[in-house]
Amino acid sequence: MDQTWISFITDFGFPVVVTFYLLHRIETKLNTLIESIVALPEKMK
């Protein structure tokens, strides 16, 4: 696994790897937010 990350960093550059990592983290948090918003009307009943 570590070799894969090192390979990505050397091939694509550090900023690209950091950008993809942050986008992945934001995506999971956005999915949680969407689920909460969808469930909100049911909780308000």
C-alpha atoms as a PDB file:
ATOM      1  CA  MET A   1       0.000   0.000   0.000  1.00  0.00           C
ATOM      2  CA  ASP A   2       2.789   2.432   0.876  1.00  0.00           C
ATOM      3  CA  GLN A   3       4.505   1.736  -2.424  1.00  0.00           C
ATOM      4  CA  THR A   4       1.291   2.657  -4.258  1.00  0.00           C
ATOM      5  CA  TRP A   5       1.088   6.040  -2.503  1.00  0.00           C
ATOM      6  CA  ILE A   6       4.748   6.758  -3.209  1.00  0.00           C
ATOM      7  CA  SER A   7       4.172   5.835  -6.838  1.00  0.00           C
ATOM      8  CA  PHE A   8       1.214   8.249  -7.083  1.00  0.00           C
ATOM      9  CA  ILE A   9       3.179  11.058  -5.471  1.00  0.00           C
ATOM     10  CA  THR A  10       6.130  10.653  -7.810  1.00  0.00           C
ATOM     11  CA  ASP A  11       3.936  10.286 -10.910  1.00  0.00           C
ATOM     12  CA  PHE A  12       1.305  12.981 -10.320  1.00  0.00           C
ATOM     13  CA  GLY A  13       2.852  15.318  -7.826  1.00  0.00           C
ATOM     14  CA  PHE A  14       2.098  16.134  -4.243  1.00  0.00           C
ATOM     15  CA  PRO A  15      -0.664  18.753  -4.860  1.00  0.00           C
ATOM     16  CA  VAL A  16      -2.723  16.356  -6.963  1.00  0.00           C
ATOM     17  CA  VAL A  17      -2.506  13.597  -4.359  1.00  0.00           C
ATOM     18  CA  VAL A  18      -3.527  15.990  -1.571  1.00  0.00           C
ATOM     19  CA  THR A  19      -6.438  17.284  -3.679  1.00  0.00           C
ATOM     20  CA  PHE A  20      -7.784  13.779  -4.311  1.00  0.00           C
ATOM     21  CA  TYR A  21      -7.420  12.910  -0.620  1.00  0.00           C
ATOM     22  CA  LEU A  22      -9.349  16.009   0.465  1.00  0.00           C
ATOM     23  CA  LEU A  23     -12.059  15.451  -2.156  1.00  0.00           C
ATOM     24  CA  HIS A  24     -12.529  11.908  -0.877  1.00  0.00           C
ATOM     25  CA  ARG A  25     -12.906  13.134   2.709  1.00  0.00           C
ATOM     26  CA  ILE A  26     -15.358  15.869   1.696  1.00  0.00           C
ATOM     27  CA  GLU A  27     -17.423  13.363  -0.307  1.00  0.00           C
ATOM     28  CA  THR A  28     -18.028  11.159   2.718  1.00  0.00           C
ATOM     29  CA  LYS A  29     -19.054  14.137   4.829  1.00  0.00           C
ATOM     30  CA  LEU A  30     -21.386  15.404   2.089  1.00  0.00           C
ATOM     31  CA  ASN A  31     -23.063  11.992   1.900  1.00  0.00           C
ATOM     32  CA  THR A  32     -23.699  12.144   5.648  1.00  0.00           C
ATOM     33  CA  LEU A  33     -25.114  15.654   5.290  1.00  0.00           C
ATOM     34  CA  ILE A  34     -27.429  14.594   2.458  1.00  0.00           C
ATOM     35  CA  GLU A  35     -28.725  11.655   4.493  1.00  0.00           C
ATOM     36  CA  SER A  36     -29.427  13.988   7.427  1.00  0.00           C
ATOM     37  CA  ILE A  37     -31.311  16.455   5.242  1.00  0.00           C
ATOM     38  CA  VAL A  38     -33.389  13.675   3.692  1.00  0.00           C
ATOM     39  CA  ALA A  39     -34.283  12.316   7.148  1.00  0.00           C
ATOM     40  CA  LEU A  40     -35.155  15.754   8.552  1.00  0.00           C
ATOM     41  CA  PRO A  41     -38.830  15.900   7.434  1.00  0.00           C
ATOM     42  CA  GLU A  42     -39.497  12.537   9.071  1.00  0.00           C
ATOM     43  CA  LYS A  43     -37.945  13.715  12.334  1.00  0.00           C
ATOM     44  CA  MET A  44     -40.014  16.906  12.316  1.00  0.00           C
ATOM     45  CA  LYS A  45     -43.324  14.989  12.279  1.00  0.00           C
END
